[in-house]
């Protein structure tokens, strides 16, 4: 089993920045990809960004050029640097991990961290 713990969410004004972190523990040797999803009130969960352990990345069109996903393999941690935040970026952000090199990871999930962008 793999446990994922997110941190770094909070309240920020439009145009501001936040960095989310997700630490993986447990059977991390099986992991091949990690990523971030978000869910806004009344909407379906959507992929924000993902990174495979081979280095491939995948971003939602709405965040390209503003968000950057990265990974620290030594710390079993994936980061999401979010710049130029907009109110529509508001939602619960979930970390996900996968045992395959999937650009839409989803074998394991964290509990989520709230991001609120005020206008």
PDB file of N, CA and C in Angstrom:
ATOM      1  N   UNK A   1       0.831  -1.205   0.000  1.00  0.00           N
ATOM      2  CA  UNK A   1       0.000   0.000   0.000  1.00  0.00           C
ATOM      3  C   UNK A   1       0.861   1.248   0.000  1.00  0.00           C
ATOM      4  N   UNK A   2       0.288   2.294  -0.507  1.00  0.00           N
ATOM      5  CA  UNK A   2       0.963   3.594  -0.561  1.00  0.00           C
ATOM      6  C   UNK A   2       0.076   4.630   0.119  1.00  0.00           C
ATOM      7  N   UNK A   3       0.679   5.446   0.938  1.00  0.00           N
ATOM      8  CA  UNK A   3      -0.034   6.549   1.570  1.00  0.00           C
ATOM      9  C   UNK A   3       0.489   7.865   0.984  1.00  0.00           C
ATOM     10  N   UNK A   4      -0.454   8.761   0.709  1.00  0.00           N
ATOM     11  CA  UNK A   4      -0.114  10.067   0.140  1.00  0.00           C
ATOM     12  C   UNK A   4      -0.639  11.163   1.065  1.00  0.00           C
ATOM     13  N   UNK A   5       0.218  12.098   1.403  1.00  0.00           N
ATOM     14  CA  UNK A   5      -0.176  13.194   2.279  1.00  0.00           C
ATOM     15  C   UNK A   5       0.161  14.518   1.607  1.00  0.00           C
ATOM     16  N   UNK A   6      -0.884  15.313   1.375  1.00  0.00           N
ATOM     17  CA  UNK A   6      -0.709  16.611   0.728  1.00  0.00           C
ATOM     18  C   UNK A   6      -0.552  17.719   1.766  1.00  0.00           C
ATOM     19  N   UNK A   7       0.087  18.791   1.348  1.00  0.00           N
ATOM     20  CA  UNK A   7       0.182  19.991   2.170  1.00  0.00           C
ATOM     21  C   UNK A   7       0.406  21.186   1.247  1.00  0.00           C
ATOM     22  N   UNK A   8       0.223  22.375   1.807  1.00  0.00           N
ATOM     23  CA  UNK A   8       0.530  23.585   1.063  1.00  0.00           C
ATOM     24  C   UNK A   8      -0.663  24.373   0.574  1.00  0.00           C
ATOM     25  N   UNK A   9      -1.859  23.844   0.772  1.00  0.00           N
ATOM     26  CA  UNK A   9      -3.035  24.595   0.343  1.00  0.00           C
ATOM     27  C   UNK A   9      -3.274  25.807   1.225  1.00  0.00           C
ATOM     28  N   UNK A  10      -4.219  26.639   0.806  1.00  0.00           N
ATOM     29  CA  UNK A  10      -4.542  27.823   1.596  1.00  0.00           C
ATOM     30  C   UNK A  10      -5.330  28.823   0.800  1.00  0.00           C
ATOM     31  N   UNK A  11      -5.423  30.014   1.358  1.00  0.00           N
ATOM     32  CA  UNK A  11      -6.141  31.121   0.733  1.00  0.00           C
ATOM     33  C   UNK A  11      -5.139  32.095   0.140  1.00  0.00           C
ATOM     34  N   UNK A  12      -5.363  32.468  -1.123  1.00  0.00           N
ATOM     35  CA  UNK A  12      -4.451  33.380  -1.792  1.00  0.00           C
ATOM     36  C   UNK A  12      -5.261  34.297  -2.693  1.00  0.00           C
ATOM     37  N   UNK A  13      -4.739  35.467  -2.937  1.00  0.00           N
ATOM     38  CA  UNK A  13      -5.432  36.409  -3.822  1.00  0.00           C
ATOM     39  C   UNK A  13      -5.142  36.094  -5.290  1.00  0.00           C
ATOM     40  N   UNK A  14      -6.016  36.563  -6.149  1.00  0.00           N
ATOM     41  CA  UNK A  14      -5.795  36.415  -7.586  1.00  0.00           C
ATOM     42  C   UNK A  14      -4.419  36.951  -7.965  1.00  0.00           C
ATOM     43  N   UNK A  15      -3.706  36.160  -8.772  1.00  0.00           N
ATOM     44  CA  UNK A  15      -2.368  36.534  -9.186  1.00  0.00           C
ATOM     45  C   UNK A  15      -1.264  36.014  -8.286  1.00  0.00           C
ATOM     46  N   UNK A  16      -1.643  35.467  -7.149  1.00  0.00           N
ATOM     47  CA  UNK A  16      -0.662  34.961  -6.202  1.00  0.00           C
ATOM     48  C   UNK A  16      -0.162  33.568  -6.565  1.00  0.00           C
ATOM     49  N   UNK A  17       0.661  33.022  -5.664  1.00  0.00           N
ATOM     50  CA  UNK A  17       1.276  31.718  -5.895  1.00  0.00           C
ATOM     51  C   UNK A  17       1.129  30.828  -4.671  1.00  0.00           C
ATOM     52  N   UNK A  18       1.113  29.538  -4.915  1.00  0.00           N
ATOM     53  CA  UNK A  18       1.149  28.525  -3.864  1.00  0.00           C
ATOM     54  C   UNK A  18       1.970  27.348  -4.373  1.00  0.00           C
ATOM     55  N   UNK A  19       2.581  26.629  -3.445  1.00  0.00           N
ATOM     56  CA  UNK A  19       3.248  25.382  -3.818  1.00  0.00           C
ATOM     57  C   UNK A  19       2.670  24.252  -2.990  1.00  0.00           C
ATOM     58  N   UNK A  20       2.134  23.273  -3.672  1.00  0.00           N
ATOM     59  CA  UNK A  20       1.608  22.089  -3.016  1.00  0.00           C
ATOM     60  C   UNK A  20       2.685  21.009  -2.983  1.00  0.00           C
ATOM     61  N   UNK A  21       2.664  20.238  -1.901  1.00  0.00           N
ATOM     62  CA  UNK A  21       3.580  19.109  -1.761  1.00  0.00           C
ATOM     63  C   UNK A  21       2.782  17.852  -1.475  1.00  0.00           C
ATOM     64  N   UNK A  22       3.293  16.734  -1.956  1.00  0.00           N
ATOM     65  CA  UNK A  22       2.673  15.432  -1.675  1.00  0.00           C
ATOM     66  C   UNK A  22       3.787  14.441  -1.380  1.00  0.00           C
ATOM     67  N   UNK A  23       3.755  13.902  -0.167  1.00  0.00           N
ATOM     68  CA  UNK A  23       4.765  12.927   0.249  1.00  0.00           C
ATOM     69  C   UNK A  23       4.165  11.537   0.184  1.00  0.00           C
ATOM     70  N   UNK A  24       4.855  10.647  -0.490  1.00  0.00           N
ATOM     71  CA  UNK A  24       4.421   9.259  -0.588  1.00  0.00           C
ATOM     72  C   UNK A  24       5.202   8.398   0.407  1.00  0.00           C
ATOM     73  N   UNK A  25       4.503   7.466   1.045  1.00  0.00           N
ATOM     74  CA  UNK A  25       5.159   6.533   1.963  1.00  0.00           C
ATOM     75  C   UNK A  25       4.556   5.150   1.761  1.00  0.00           C
ATOM     76  N   UNK A  26       5.223   4.157   2.331  1.00  0.00           N
ATOM     77  CA  UNK A  26       4.769   2.783   2.168  1.00  0.00           C
ATOM     78  C   UNK A  26       5.515   2.113   1.028  1.00  0.00           C
ATOM     79  N   UNK A  27       4.795   1.407   0.176  1.00  0.00           N
ATOM     80  CA  UNK A  27       5.409   0.660  -0.928  1.00  0.00           C
ATOM     81  C   UNK A  27       5.697   1.559  -2.123  1.00  0.00           C
ATOM     82  N   UNK A  28       6.528   2.550  -1.898  1.00  0.00           N
ATOM     83  CA  UNK A  28       6.791   3.538  -2.952  1.00  0.00           C
ATOM     84  C   UNK A  28       7.643   2.991  -4.084  1.00  0.00           C
ATOM     85  N   UNK A  29       8.316   1.863  -3.848  1.00  0.00           N
ATOM     86  CA  UNK A  29       9.176   1.300  -4.885  1.00  0.00           C
ATOM     87  C   UNK A  29       8.364   0.880  -6.112  1.00  0.00           C
ATOM     88  N   UNK A  30       7.036   0.690  -5.925  1.00  0.00           N
ATOM     89  CA  UNK A  30       6.161   0.282  -7.024  1.00  0.00           C
ATOM     90  C   UNK A  30       5.700   1.440  -7.902  1.00  0.00           C
ATOM     91  N   UNK A  31       5.894   2.660  -7.428  1.00  0.00           N
ATOM     92  CA  UNK A  31       5.305   3.800  -8.110  1.00  0.00           C
ATOM     93  C   UNK A  31       6.062   4.169  -9.373  1.00  0.00           C
ATOM     94  N   UNK A  32       5.308   4.572 -10.393  1.00  0.00           N
ATOM     95  CA  UNK A  32       5.889   4.990 -11.653  1.00  0.00           C
ATOM     96  C   UNK A  32       5.376   6.353 -12.124  1.00  0.00           C
ATOM     97  N   UNK A  33       4.384   6.893 -11.438  1.00  0.00           N
ATOM     98  CA  UNK A  33       3.849   8.201 -11.833  1.00  0.00           C
ATOM     99  C   UNK A  33       3.107   8.813 -10.657  1.00  0.00           C
ATOM    100  N   UNK A  34       3.096  10.121 -10.618  1.00  0.00           N
ATOM    101  CA  UNK A  34       2.326  10.854  -9.614  1.00  0.00           C
ATOM    102  C   UNK A  34       1.703  12.074 -10.271  1.00  0.00           C
ATOM    103  N   UNK A  35       0.693  12.596  -9.608  1.00  0.00           N
ATOM    104  CA  UNK A  35       0.035  13.749 -10.214  1.00  0.00           C
ATOM    105  C   UNK A  35      -0.901  14.447  -9.263  1.00  0.00           C
ATOM    106  N   UNK A  36      -1.524  15.491  -9.784  1.00  0.00           N
ATOM    107  CA  UNK A  36      -2.474  16.299  -9.034  1.00  0.00           C
ATOM    108  C   UNK A  36      -3.783  16.424  -9.811  1.00  0.00           C
ATOM    109  N   UNK A  37      -4.865  16.271  -9.063  1.00  0.00           N
ATOM    110  CA  UNK A  37      -6.198  16.514  -9.594  1.00  0.00           C
ATOM    111  C   UNK A  37      -6.841  17.588  -8.722  1.00  0.00           C
ATOM    112  N   UNK A  38      -7.908  18.168  -9.216  1.00  0.00           N
ATOM    113  CA  UNK A  38      -8.670  19.114  -8.392  1.00  0.00           C
ATOM    114  C   UNK A  38     -10.162  18.915  -8.639  1.00  0.00           C
ATOM    115  N   UNK A  39     -10.909  19.299  -7.618  1.00  0.00           N
ATOM    116  CA  UNK A  39     -12.364  19.234  -7.715  1.00  0.00           C
ATOM    117  C   UNK A  39     -12.956  20.511  -7.148  1.00  0.00           C
ATOM    118  N   UNK A  40     -13.633  21.236  -7.998  1.00  0.00           N
ATOM    119  CA  UNK A  40     -14.320  22.451  -7.576  1.00  0.00           C
ATOM    120  C   UNK A  40     -15.736  22.083  -7.138  1.00  0.00           C
ATOM    121  N   UNK A  41     -16.358  22.903  -6.309  1.00  0.00           N
ATOM    122  CA  UNK A  41     -17.724  22.620  -5.856  1.00  0.00           C
ATOM    123  C   UNK A  41     -18.672  22.410  -7.027  1.00  0.00           C
ATOM    124  N   UNK A  42     -19.400  21.294  -7.009  1.00  0.00           N
ATOM    125  CA  UNK A  42     -20.370  21.017  -8.049  1.00  0.00           C
ATOM    126  C   UNK A  42     -19.795  20.529  -9.358  1.00  0.00           C
ATOM    127  N   UNK A  43     -18.490  20.299  -9.383  1.00  0.00           N
ATOM    128  CA  UNK A  43     -17.860  19.853 -10.634  1.00  0.00           C
ATOM    129  C   UNK A  43     -17.153  18.520 -10.427  1.00  0.00           C
ATOM    130  N   UNK A  44     -16.856  17.878 -11.536  1.00  0.00           N
ATOM    131  CA  UNK A  44     -16.138  16.616 -11.465  1.00  0.00           C
ATOM    132  C   UNK A  44     -14.646  16.845 -11.205  1.00  0.00           C
ATOM    133  N   UNK A  45     -14.029  15.842 -10.640  1.00  0.00           N
ATOM    134  CA  UNK A  45     -12.587  15.901 -10.433  1.00  0.00           C
ATOM    135  C   UNK A  45     -11.893  15.909 -11.791  1.00  0.00           C
ATOM    136  N   UNK A  46     -10.872  16.754 -11.921  1.00  0.00           N
ATOM    137  CA  UNK A  46     -10.150  16.850 -13.187  1.00  0.00           C
ATOM    138  C   UNK A  46      -8.647  16.791 -12.954  1.00  0.00           C
ATOM    139  N   UNK A  47      -7.955  16.272 -13.936  1.00  0.00           N
ATOM    140  CA  UNK A  47      -6.500  16.229 -13.858  1.00  0.00           C
ATOM    141  C   UNK A  47      -5.946  17.631 -14.017  1.00  0.00           C
ATOM    142  N   UNK A  48      -4.999  17.973 -13.163  1.00  0.00           N
ATOM    143  CA  UNK A  48      -4.296  19.250 -13.272  1.00  0.00           C
ATOM    144  C   UNK A  48      -2.930  19.036 -13.914  1.00  0.00           C
ATOM    145  N   UNK A  49      -2.154  18.107 -13.364  1.00  0.00           N
ATOM    146  CA  UNK A  49      -0.821  17.827 -13.895  1.00  0.00           C
ATOM    147  C   UNK A  49      -0.368  16.471 -13.409  1.00  0.00           C
ATOM    148  N   UNK A  50       0.477  15.830 -14.205  1.00  0.00           N
ATOM    149  CA  UNK A  50       1.025  14.541 -13.831  1.00  0.00           C
ATOM    150  C   UNK A  50       2.450  14.438 -14.336  1.00  0.00           C
ATOM    151  N   UNK A  51       3.219  13.586 -13.672  1.00  0.00           N
ATOM    152  CA  UNK A  51       4.598  13.356 -14.077  1.00  0.00           C
ATOM    153  C   UNK A  51       4.904  11.877 -13.916  1.00  0.00           C
ATOM    154  N   UNK A  52       5.503  11.290 -14.942  1.00  0.00           N
ATOM    155  CA  UNK A  52       5.919   9.896 -14.837  1.00  0.00           C
ATOM    156  C   UNK A  52       7.363   9.850 -14.355  1.00  0.00           C
ATOM    157  N   UNK A  53       7.770   8.718 -13.832  1.00  0.00           N
ATOM    158  CA  UNK A  53       9.130   8.586 -13.348  1.00  0.00           C
ATOM    159  C   UNK A  53      10.130   8.559 -14.496  1.00  0.00           C
ATOM    160  N   UNK A  54       9.622   8.461 -15.725  1.00  0.00           N
ATOM    161  CA  UNK A  54      10.476   8.591 -16.895  1.00  0.00           C
ATOM    162  C   UNK A  54      10.664  10.030 -17.323  1.00  0.00           C
ATOM    163  N   UNK A  55       9.927  10.938 -16.672  1.00  0.00           N
ATOM    164  CA  UNK A  55      10.094  12.359 -16.940  1.00  0.00           C
ATOM    165  C   UNK A  55       9.018  12.997 -17.795  1.00  0.00           C
ATOM    166  N   UNK A  56       8.070  12.216 -18.288  1.00  0.00           N
ATOM    167  CA  UNK A  56       6.987  12.802 -19.091  1.00  0.00           C
ATOM    168  C   UNK A  56       6.031  13.562 -18.193  1.00  0.00           C
ATOM    169  N   UNK A  57       5.529  14.677 -18.701  1.00  0.00           N
ATOM    170  CA  UNK A  57       4.560  15.471 -17.957  1.00  0.00           C
ATOM    171  C   UNK A  57       3.292  15.662 -18.780  1.00  0.00           C
ATOM    172  N   UNK A  58       2.222  15.942 -18.063  1.00  0.00           N
ATOM    173  CA  UNK A  58       0.926  16.145 -18.690  1.00  0.00           C
ATOM    174  C   UNK A  58       0.223  17.240 -17.913  1.00  0.00           C
ATOM    175  N   UNK A  59      -0.257  18.270 -18.615  1.00  0.00           N
ATOM    176  CA  UNK A  59      -0.923  19.387 -17.961  1.00  0.00           C
ATOM    177  C   UNK A  59      -2.297  19.620 -18.573  1.00  0.00           C
ATOM    178  N   UNK A  60      -3.224  20.043 -17.735  1.00  0.00           N
ATOM    179  CA  UNK A  60      -4.501  20.524 -18.251  1.00  0.00           C
ATOM    180  C   UNK A  60      -4.244  21.816 -19.020  1.00  0.00           C
ATOM    181  N   UNK A  61      -4.990  22.026 -20.090  1.00  0.00           N
ATOM    182  CA  UNK A  61      -4.796  23.239 -20.894  1.00  0.00           C
ATOM    183  C   UNK A  61      -4.963  24.503 -20.055  1.00  0.00           C
ATOM    184  N   UNK A  62      -5.846  24.443 -19.087  1.00  0.00           N
ATOM    185  CA  UNK A  62      -6.166  25.633 -18.295  1.00  0.00           C
ATOM    186  C   UNK A  62      -5.023  26.077 -17.385  1.00  0.00           C
ATOM    187  N   UNK A  63      -4.034  25.202 -17.162  1.00  0.00           N
ATOM    188  CA  UNK A  63      -2.943  25.568 -16.252  1.00  0.00           C
ATOM    189  C   UNK A  63      -1.594  25.655 -16.941  1.00  0.00           C
ATOM    190  N   UNK A  64      -1.541  25.317 -18.227  1.00  0.00           N
ATOM    191  CA  UNK A  64      -0.267  25.361 -18.943  1.00  0.00           C
ATOM    192  C   UNK A  64       0.313  26.771 -18.911  1.00  0.00           C
ATOM    193  N   UNK A  65       1.593  26.846 -18.595  1.00  0.00           N
ATOM    194  CA  UNK A  65       2.265  28.135 -18.514  1.00  0.00           C
ATOM    195  C   UNK A  65       2.164  28.795 -17.154  1.00  0.00           C
ATOM    196  N   UNK A  66       1.318  28.269 -16.284  1.00  0.00           N
ATOM    197  CA  UNK A  66       1.159  28.829 -14.935  1.00  0.00           C
ATOM    198  C   UNK A  66       1.572  27.847 -13.847  1.00  0.00           C
ATOM    199  N   UNK A  67       1.323  26.569 -14.048  1.00  0.00           N
ATOM    200  CA  UNK A  67       1.630  25.544 -13.058  1.00  0.00           C
ATOM    201  C   UNK A  67       2.804  24.701 -13.543  1.00  0.00           C
ATOM    202  N   UNK A  68       3.595  24.225 -12.586  1.00  0.00           N
ATOM    203  CA  UNK A  68       4.707  23.338 -12.897  1.00  0.00           C
ATOM    204  C   UNK A  68       4.727  22.185 -11.910  1.00  0.00           C
ATOM    205  N   UNK A  69       4.760  20.978 -12.431  1.00  0.00           N
ATOM    206  CA  UNK A  69       4.861  19.795 -11.581  1.00  0.00           C
ATOM    207  C   UNK A  69       6.311  19.327 -11.585  1.00  0.00           C
ATOM    208  N   UNK A  70       6.788  18.901 -10.422  1.00  0.00           N
ATOM    209  CA  UNK A  70       8.151  18.395 -10.324  1.00  0.00           C
ATOM    210  C   UNK A  70       8.190  17.301  -9.263  1.00  0.00           C
ATOM    211  N   UNK A  71       9.295  16.577  -9.253  1.00  0.00           N
ATOM    212  CA  UNK A  71       9.395  15.439  -8.322  1.00  0.00           C
ATOM    213  C   UNK A  71      10.788  15.385  -7.723  1.00  0.00           C
ATOM    214  N   UNK A  72      10.838  15.073  -6.441  1.00  0.00           N
ATOM    215  CA  UNK A  72      12.095  14.812  -5.747  1.00  0.00           C
ATOM    216  C   UNK A  72      12.087  13.338  -5.383  1.00  0.00           C
ATOM    217  N   UNK A  73      12.810  12.545  -6.154  1.00  0.00           N
ATOM    218  CA  UNK A  73      12.763  11.099  -5.955  1.00  0.00           C
ATOM    219  C   UNK A  73      13.341  10.688  -4.615  1.00  0.00           C
ATOM    220  N   UNK A  74      14.337  11.407  -4.146  1.00  0.00           N
ATOM    221  CA  UNK A  74      14.978  11.056  -2.870  1.00  0.00           C
ATOM    222  C   UNK A  74      14.013  11.235  -1.701  1.00  0.00           C
ATOM    223  N   UNK A  75      13.092  12.168  -1.851  1.00  0.00           N
ATOM    224  CA  UNK A  75      12.129  12.459  -0.788  1.00  0.00           C
ATOM    225  C   UNK A  75      10.755  11.847  -1.055  1.00  0.00           C
ATOM    226  N   UNK A  76      10.621  11.112  -2.146  1.00  0.00           N
ATOM    227  CA  UNK A  76       9.320  10.546  -2.539  1.00  0.00           C
ATOM    228  C   UNK A  76       8.235  11.612  -2.521  1.00  0.00           C
ATOM    229  N   UNK A  77       8.569  12.757  -3.046  1.00  0.00           N
ATOM    230  CA  UNK A  77       7.673  13.907  -2.984  1.00  0.00           C
ATOM    231  C   UNK A  77       7.450  14.483  -4.378  1.00  0.00           C
ATOM    232  N   UNK A  78       6.214  14.869  -4.632  1.00  0.00           N
ATOM    233  CA  UNK A  78       5.883  15.581  -5.862  1.00  0.00           C
ATOM    234  C   UNK A  78       5.349  16.955  -5.477  1.00  0.00           C
ATOM    235  N   UNK A  79       5.696  17.937  -6.262  1.00  0.00           N
ATOM    236  CA  UNK A  79       5.312  19.314  -5.993  1.00  0.00           C
ATOM    237  C   UNK A  79       4.461  19.856  -7.137  1.00  0.00           C
ATOM    238  N   UNK A  80       3.627  20.815  -6.799  1.00  0.00           N
ATOM    239  CA  UNK A  80       2.886  21.553  -7.815  1.00  0.00           C
ATOM    240  C   UNK A  80       3.062  23.037  -7.508  1.00  0.00           C
ATOM    241  N   UNK A  81       3.880  23.693  -8.315  1.00  0.00           N
ATOM    242  CA  UNK A  81       4.059  25.134  -8.174  1.00  0.00           C
ATOM    243  C   UNK A  81       2.979  25.823  -8.993  1.00  0.00           C
ATOM    244  N   UNK A  82       2.172  26.622  -8.314  1.00  0.00           N
ATOM    245  CA  UNK A  82       1.040  27.281  -8.961  1.00  0.00           C
ATOM    246  C   UNK A  82       1.255  28.788  -8.926  1.00  0.00           C
ATOM    247  N   UNK A  83       1.401  29.380 -10.093  1.00  0.00           N
ATOM    248  CA  UNK A  83       1.605  30.819 -10.217  1.00  0.00           C
ATOM    249  C   UNK A  83       0.429  31.453 -10.940  1.00  0.00           C
ATOM    250  N   UNK A  84       0.322  32.766 -10.792  1.00  0.00           N
ATOM    251  CA  UNK A  84      -0.745  33.538 -11.456  1.00  0.00           C
ATOM    252  C   UNK A  84      -2.107  32.876 -11.251  1.00  0.00           C
ATOM    253  N   UNK A  85      -2.389  32.587 -10.007  1.00  0.00           N
ATOM    254  CA  UNK A  85      -3.621  31.883  -9.675  1.00  0.00           C
ATOM    255  C   UNK A  85      -4.854  32.714  -9.994  1.00  0.00           C
ATOM    256  N   UNK A  86      -5.903  32.014 -10.377  1.00  0.00           N
ATOM    257  CA  UNK A  86      -7.181  32.621 -10.738  1.00  0.00           C
ATOM    258  C   UNK A  86      -8.282  32.054  -9.842  1.00  0.00           C
ATOM    259  N   UNK A  87      -9.376  32.769  -9.688  1.00  0.00           N
ATOM    260  CA  UNK A  87     -10.480  32.232  -8.876  1.00  0.00           C
ATOM    261  C   UNK A  87     -10.956  30.862  -9.365  1.00  0.00           C
ATOM    262  N   UNK A  88     -10.887  30.616 -10.641  1.00  0.00           N
ATOM    263  CA  UNK A  88     -11.321  29.319 -11.170  1.00  0.00           C
ATOM    264  C   UNK A  88     -10.372  28.174 -10.815  1.00  0.00           C
ATOM    265  N   UNK A  89      -9.246  28.490 -10.221  1.00  0.00           N
ATOM    266  CA  UNK A  89      -8.339  27.446  -9.721  1.00  0.00           C
ATOM    267  C   UNK A  89      -8.769  26.942  -8.343  1.00  0.00           C
ATOM    268  N   UNK A  90      -9.767  27.555  -7.763  1.00  0.00           N
ATOM    269  CA  UNK A  90     -10.257  27.155  -6.442  1.00  0.00           C
ATOM    270  C   UNK A  90     -10.795  25.732  -6.463  1.00  0.00           C
ATOM    271  N   UNK A  91     -10.459  24.969  -5.431  1.00  0.00           N
ATOM    272  CA  UNK A  91     -10.960  23.614  -5.315  1.00  0.00           C
ATOM    273  C   UNK A  91     -10.137  22.814  -4.329  1.00  0.00           C
ATOM    274  N   UNK A  92     -10.528  21.573  -4.170  1.00  0.00           N
ATOM    275  CA  UNK A  92      -9.735  20.646  -3.367  1.00  0.00           C
ATOM    276  C   UNK A  92      -8.759  19.954  -4.310  1.00  0.00           C
ATOM    277  N   UNK A  93      -7.507  20.025  -3.962  1.00  0.00           N
ATOM    278  CA  UNK A  93      -6.454  19.430  -4.784  1.00  0.00           C
ATOM    279  C   UNK A  93      -6.041  18.091  -4.179  1.00  0.00           C
ATOM    280  N   UNK A  94      -6.084  17.066  -5.011  1.00  0.00           N
ATOM    281  CA  UNK A  94      -5.757  15.715  -4.577  1.00  0.00           C
ATOM    282  C   UNK A  94      -4.481  15.231  -5.255  1.00  0.00           C
ATOM    283  N   UNK A  95      -3.654  14.599  -4.473  1.00  0.00           N
ATOM    284  CA  UNK A  95      -2.474  13.932  -5.009  1.00  0.00           C
ATOM    285  C   UNK A  95      -2.853  12.505  -5.382  1.00  0.00           C
ATOM    286  N   UNK A  96      -2.273  12.022  -6.473  1.00  0.00           N
ATOM    287  CA  UNK A  96      -2.518  10.652  -6.915  1.00  0.00           C
ATOM    288  C   UNK A  96      -1.210  10.012  -7.334  1.00  0.00           C
ATOM    289  N   UNK A  97      -1.158   8.698  -7.229  1.00  0.00           N
ATOM    290  CA  UNK A  97       0.028   7.959  -7.633  1.00  0.00           C
ATOM    291  C   UNK A  97      -0.394   6.698  -8.366  1.00  0.00           C
ATOM    292  N   UNK A  98       0.519   6.197  -9.198  1.00  0.00           N
ATOM    293  CA  UNK A  98       0.182   5.032 -10.022  1.00  0.00           C
ATOM    294  C   UNK A  98       1.367   4.088 -10.111  1.00  0.00           C
ATOM    295  N   UNK A  99       1.072   2.816 -10.253  1.00  0.00           N
ATOM    296  CA  UNK A  99       2.129   1.812 -10.404  1.00  0.00           C
ATOM    297  C   UNK A  99       2.512   1.609 -11.866  1.00  0.00           C
ATOM    298  N   UNK A 100       1.877   2.329 -12.769  1.00  0.00           N
ATOM    299  CA  UNK A 100       2.292   2.321 -14.174  1.00  0.00           C
ATOM    300  C   UNK A 100       2.672   3.739 -14.579  1.00  0.00           C
ATOM    301  N   UNK A 101       3.376   3.872 -15.685  1.00  0.00           N
ATOM    302  CA  UNK A 101       3.796   5.206 -16.147  1.00  0.00           C
ATOM    303  C   UNK A 101       2.633   5.880 -16.869  1.00  0.00           C
ATOM    304  N   UNK A 102       1.616   6.122 -16.074  1.00  0.00           N
ATOM    305  CA  UNK A 102       0.390   6.705 -16.607  1.00  0.00           C
ATOM    306  C   UNK A 102       0.420   8.217 -16.488  1.00  0.00           C
ATOM    307  N   UNK A 103      -0.076   8.905 -17.520  1.00  0.00           N
ATOM    308  CA  UNK A 103      -0.170  10.365 -17.442  1.00  0.00           C
ATOM    309  C   UNK A 103      -1.494  10.781 -16.794  1.00  0.00           C
ATOM    310  N   UNK A 104      -2.261   9.801 -16.371  1.00  0.00           N
ATOM    311  CA  UNK A 104      -3.473  10.043 -15.572  1.00  0.00           C
ATOM    312  C   UNK A 104      -3.451   9.092 -14.373  1.00  0.00           C
ATOM    313  N   UNK A 105      -2.515   9.302 -13.447  1.00  0.00           N
ATOM    314  CA  UNK A 105      -2.361   8.376 -12.319  1.00  0.00           C
ATOM    315  C   UNK A 105      -3.609   8.298 -11.458  1.00  0.00           C
ATOM    316  N   UNK A 106      -3.857   7.101 -10.907  1.00  0.00           N
ATOM    317  CA  UNK A 106      -5.060   6.970 -10.099  1.00  0.00           C
ATOM    318  C   UNK A 106      -5.153   5.721  -9.255  1.00  0.00           C
ATOM    319  N   UNK A 107      -4.026   5.033  -9.004  1.00  0.00           N
ATOM    320  CA  UNK A 107      -4.084   3.847  -8.159  1.00  0.00           C
ATOM    321  C   UNK A 107      -4.259   4.217  -6.692  1.00  0.00           C
ATOM    322  N   UNK A 108      -3.642   5.304  -6.279  1.00  0.00           N
ATOM    323  CA  UNK A 108      -3.681   5.729  -4.880  1.00  0.00           C
ATOM    324  C   UNK A 108      -4.024   7.210  -4.831  1.00  0.00           C
ATOM    325  N   UNK A 109      -4.702   7.586  -3.738  1.00  0.00           N
ATOM    326  CA  UNK A 109      -5.157   8.959  -3.587  1.00  0.00           C
ATOM    327  C   UNK A 109      -4.871   9.498  -2.195  1.00  0.00           C
ATOM    328  N   UNK A 110      -4.576  10.780  -2.143  1.00  0.00           N
ATOM    329  CA  UNK A 110      -4.473  11.458  -0.865  1.00  0.00           C
ATOM    330  C   UNK A 110      -5.823  11.994  -0.434  1.00  0.00           C
ATOM    331  N   UNK A 111      -5.843  12.643   0.722  1.00  0.00           N
ATOM    332  CA  UNK A 111      -7.090  13.153   1.286  1.00  0.00           C
ATOM    333  C   UNK A 111      -7.485  14.508   0.726  1.00  0.00           C
ATOM    334  N   UNK A 112      -6.546  15.196   0.125  1.00  0.00           N
ATOM    335  CA  UNK A 112      -6.857  16.486  -0.493  1.00  0.00           C
ATOM    336  C   UNK A 112      -6.461  17.668   0.364  1.00  0.00           C
ATOM    337  N   UNK A 113      -6.191  18.774  -0.293  1.00  0.00           N
ATOM    338  CA  UNK A 113      -5.884  20.028   0.389  1.00  0.00           C
ATOM    339  C   UNK A 113      -6.639  21.146  -0.336  1.00  0.00           C
ATOM    340  N   UNK A 114      -7.221  22.040   0.448  1.00  0.00           N
ATOM    341  CA  UNK A 114      -8.067  23.079  -0.118  1.00  0.00           C
ATOM    342  C   UNK A 114      -7.228  24.244  -0.626  1.00  0.00           C
ATOM    343  N   UNK A 115      -7.538  24.683  -1.836  1.00  0.00           N
ATOM    344  CA  UNK A 115      -6.945  25.890  -2.402  1.00  0.00           C
ATOM    345  C   UNK A 115      -8.084  26.852  -2.719  1.00  0.00           C
ATOM    346  N   UNK A 116      -8.001  28.040  -2.174  1.00  0.00           N
ATOM    347  CA  UNK A 116      -9.021  29.050  -2.430  1.00  0.00           C
ATOM    348  C   UNK A 116      -8.350  30.306  -2.961  1.00  0.00           C
ATOM    349  N   UNK A 117      -8.804  30.749  -4.122  1.00  0.00           N
ATOM    350  CA  UNK A 117      -8.257  31.954  -4.737  1.00  0.00           C
ATOM    351  C   UNK A 117      -9.337  33.019  -4.710  1.00  0.00           C
ATOM    352  N   UNK A 118      -9.070  34.089  -4.003  1.00  0.00           N
ATOM    353  CA  UNK A 118     -10.065  35.162  -3.870  1.00  0.00           C
ATOM    354  C   UNK A 118      -9.887  36.189  -4.987  1.00  0.00           C
ATOM    355  N   UNK A 119     -11.017  36.743  -5.395  1.00  0.00           N
ATOM    356  CA  UNK A 119     -10.971  37.733  -6.494  1.00  0.00           C
ATOM    357  C   UNK A 119     -10.807  39.140  -5.965  1.00  0.00           C
TER     358      UNK A 119
END
